[in-house]
Amino acid sequence: MTSVRTDPDAAAADRAQTFLDWTRINAKALTAGAIVVIVAAAGYWFYMRSRQIQSANAEKALMQAKQSLGAGNLALAQSDLQSVQDRIANNISVLTNAKDIQNQFLAFLEGRQNDLSKADTTEAAVRLQTDSQTLQVSFASIAKISQLSLLNYL
């Protein structure tokens, strides 16, 4: 009775080669994914940094109002507190507007997702081919127009 023995090093080499082939084939998708992750991380960092700065500014404004109150200047303290209140009201307004915009965009994306899931692939392929041909014709027209000059006409 003979048994088939596989060499663990050969199997590992085959898996490594398969992974490298997969990486080469999907290089564009991997690059796009990496860019998306980097942009998302940078956006998150900027958002968090902005929140830290806003928090520090709010604390500074509140501290200024407390110092004015401690100094006995009630009018200045009231003015400083009114400034803080106005800033908070403005932030609430901005957040409400951002929430509305995000909800609208979410509804738009859900609609697009529904449209894509219901799309007929044959019809989409025909439309894509037609649009591609139209684009090629327009490029050819632009190339022809760019070669025209008044000297050629005379």
Protein backbone atom coordinates (compact mmCIF):
# COMPACT_ATOMS: atom_id res chain seq x y z
CA MET A 1 0.00 0.00 0.00
CA THR A 2 1.45 3.29 -1.04
CA SER A 3 0.58 6.52 0.61
CA VAL A 4 0.75 9.90 -0.98
CA ARG A 5 2.92 12.21 1.01
CA THR A 6 2.82 15.89 0.38
CA ASP A 7 5.76 18.01 1.16
CA PRO A 8 4.68 20.81 3.57
CA ASP A 9 7.18 23.19 2.03
CA ALA A 10 5.78 22.59 -1.46
CA ALA A 11 2.22 23.15 -0.26
CA ALA A 12 3.24 26.38 1.45
CA ALA A 13 5.04 27.52 -1.71
CA ASP A 14 1.94 26.78 -3.80
CA ARG A 15 -0.25 28.78 -1.40
CA ALA A 16 2.22 31.67 -1.47
CA GLN A 17 2.31 31.61 -5.28
CA THR A 18 -1.50 31.52 -5.41
CA PHE A 19 -1.66 34.49 -3.05
CA LEU A 20 0.86 36.44 -5.14
CA ASP A 21 -1.11 35.69 -8.30
CA TRP A 22 -4.32 36.81 -6.63
CA THR A 23 -2.57 39.99 -5.45
CA ARG A 24 -1.33 40.76 -8.97
CA ILE A 25 -4.76 40.16 -10.48
CA ASN A 26 -6.53 42.33 -7.90
CA ALA A 27 -3.86 45.02 -7.60
CA LYS A 28 -6.17 47.84 -8.72
CA ALA A 29 -8.92 46.84 -6.31
CA LEU A 30 -6.42 46.48 -3.48
CA THR A 31 -4.93 49.88 -4.25
CA ALA A 32 -8.38 51.49 -4.37
CA GLY A 33 -9.27 49.80 -1.08
CA ALA A 34 -6.07 51.00 0.54
CA ILE A 35 -6.72 54.55 -0.67
CA VAL A 36 -10.25 54.44 0.72
CA VAL A 37 -8.96 53.23 4.09
CA ILE A 38 -6.28 55.94 4.18
CA VAL A 39 -8.74 58.69 3.23
CA ALA A 40 -11.22 57.43 5.83
CA ALA A 41 -8.51 57.37 8.50
CA ALA A 42 -7.39 60.89 7.58
CA GLY A 43 -11.00 62.11 7.63
CA TYR A 44 -11.54 60.55 11.04
CA TRP A 45 -8.34 62.14 12.35
CA PHE A 46 -9.36 65.58 11.04
CA TYR A 47 -12.83 65.16 12.54
CA MET A 48 -11.44 64.18 15.93
CA ARG A 49 -8.89 67.01 15.85
CA SER A 50 -11.66 69.47 14.98
CA ARG A 51 -13.72 68.21 17.92
CA GLN A 52 -10.73 68.69 20.24
CA ILE A 53 -10.20 72.24 19.03
CA GLN A 54 -13.90 73.06 19.38
CA SER A 55 -13.94 71.62 22.89
CA ALA A 56 -10.87 73.62 23.88
CA ASN A 57 -12.38 76.81 22.46
CA ALA A 58 -15.66 76.22 24.31
CA GLU A 59 -13.81 75.62 27.58
CA LYS A 60 -11.76 78.77 27.00
CA ALA A 61 -14.91 80.86 26.39
CA LEU A 62 -16.62 79.44 29.48
CA MET A 63 -13.50 80.06 31.56
CA GLN A 64 -13.42 83.65 30.33
CA ALA A 65 -17.04 84.10 31.47
CA LYS A 66 -16.19 82.61 34.89
CA GLN A 67 -13.21 84.95 35.22
CA SER A 68 -15.38 87.94 34.35
CA LEU A 69 -17.92 86.83 36.95
CA GLY A 70 -15.14 86.29 39.51
CA ALA A 71 -13.79 89.77 38.81
CA GLY A 72 -17.22 91.21 39.58
CA ASN A 73 -17.92 92.39 36.03
CA LEU A 74 -21.44 91.02 35.64
CA ALA A 75 -22.10 92.73 32.31
CA LEU A 76 -19.00 91.20 30.73
CA ALA A 77 -19.78 87.79 32.24
CA GLN A 78 -23.31 87.96 30.87
CA SER A 79 -21.94 88.96 27.46
CA ASP A 80 -19.44 86.07 27.52
CA LEU A 81 -22.15 83.57 28.50
CA GLN A 82 -24.39 84.91 25.72
CA SER A 83 -21.51 84.34 23.30
CA VAL A 84 -21.15 80.74 24.49
CA GLN A 85 -24.90 80.21 24.18
CA ASP A 86 -24.91 81.65 20.65
CA ARG A 87 -22.01 79.39 19.66
CA ILE A 88 -23.82 76.31 21.00
CA ALA A 89 -27.04 77.32 19.19
CA ASN A 90 -25.06 77.74 15.97
CA ASN A 91 -23.45 74.30 16.43
CA ILE A 92 -26.89 72.74 16.94
CA SER A 93 -28.10 74.38 13.74
CA VAL A 94 -25.07 73.16 11.79
CA LEU A 95 -25.49 69.64 13.16
CA THR A 96 -29.18 69.61 12.24
CA ASN A 97 -28.36 70.72 8.70
CA ALA A 98 -25.62 68.09 8.40
CA LYS A 99 -28.01 65.41 9.66
CA ASP A 100 -30.62 66.46 7.07
CA ILE A 101 -28.05 66.35 4.28
CA GLN A 102 -26.85 62.91 5.39
CA ASN A 103 -30.42 61.60 5.52
CA GLN A 104 -31.05 62.91 1.99
CA PHE A 105 -27.85 61.33 0.73
CA LEU A 106 -28.71 58.05 2.46
CA ALA A 107 -32.13 58.05 0.77
CA PHE A 108 -30.43 58.75 -2.57
CA LEU A 109 -27.98 55.86 -2.08
CA GLU A 110 -30.75 53.48 -1.04
CA GLY A 111 -32.66 54.46 -4.18
CA ARG A 112 -29.59 53.83 -6.31
CA GLN A 113 -29.06 50.48 -4.59
CA ASN A 114 -32.65 49.49 -5.34
CA ASP A 115 -32.25 50.62 -8.95
CA LEU A 116 -29.07 48.57 -9.33
CA SER A 117 -30.55 45.47 -7.75
CA LYS A 118 -33.57 45.64 -10.07
CA ALA A 119 -31.55 46.44 -13.20
CA ASP A 120 -31.63 44.05 -16.13
CA THR A 121 -28.03 43.08 -16.87
CA THR A 122 -28.66 42.71 -20.59
CA GLU A 123 -30.24 46.15 -20.81
CA ALA A 124 -27.39 47.64 -18.76
CA ALA A 125 -24.81 46.02 -21.06
CA VAL A 126 -26.57 47.38 -24.16
CA ARG A 127 -26.78 50.86 -22.62
CA LEU A 128 -23.11 50.73 -21.65
CA GLN A 129 -22.11 49.68 -25.16
CA THR A 130 -24.26 52.43 -26.73
CA ASP A 131 -22.86 55.07 -24.38
CA SER A 132 -19.34 53.85 -25.08
CA GLN A 133 -19.85 54.15 -28.83
CA THR A 134 -21.36 57.62 -28.41
CA LEU A 135 -18.36 58.69 -26.34
CA GLN A 136 -15.94 57.35 -28.96
CA VAL A 137 -17.79 59.27 -31.70
CA SER A 138 -17.67 62.47 -29.65
CA PHE A 139 -13.93 62.01 -29.06
CA ALA A 140 -13.39 61.49 -32.78
CA SER A 141 -15.39 64.65 -33.51
CA ILE A 142 -13.38 66.66 -31.02
CA ALA A 143 -10.14 65.34 -32.53
CA LYS A 144 -11.30 66.33 -36.01
CA ILE A 145 -12.40 69.79 -34.86
CA SER A 146 -9.12 70.39 -33.07
CA GLN A 147 -7.25 69.79 -36.35
CA LEU A 148 -9.21 72.48 -38.18
CA SER A 149 -7.70 75.90 -38.71
CA LEU A 150 -8.44 78.99 -40.75
CA LEU A 151 -5.39 78.37 -42.94
CA ASN A 152 -6.72 74.97 -44.00
CA TYR A 153 -10.00 76.61 -44.97
CA LEU A 154 -8.32 79.24 -47.21
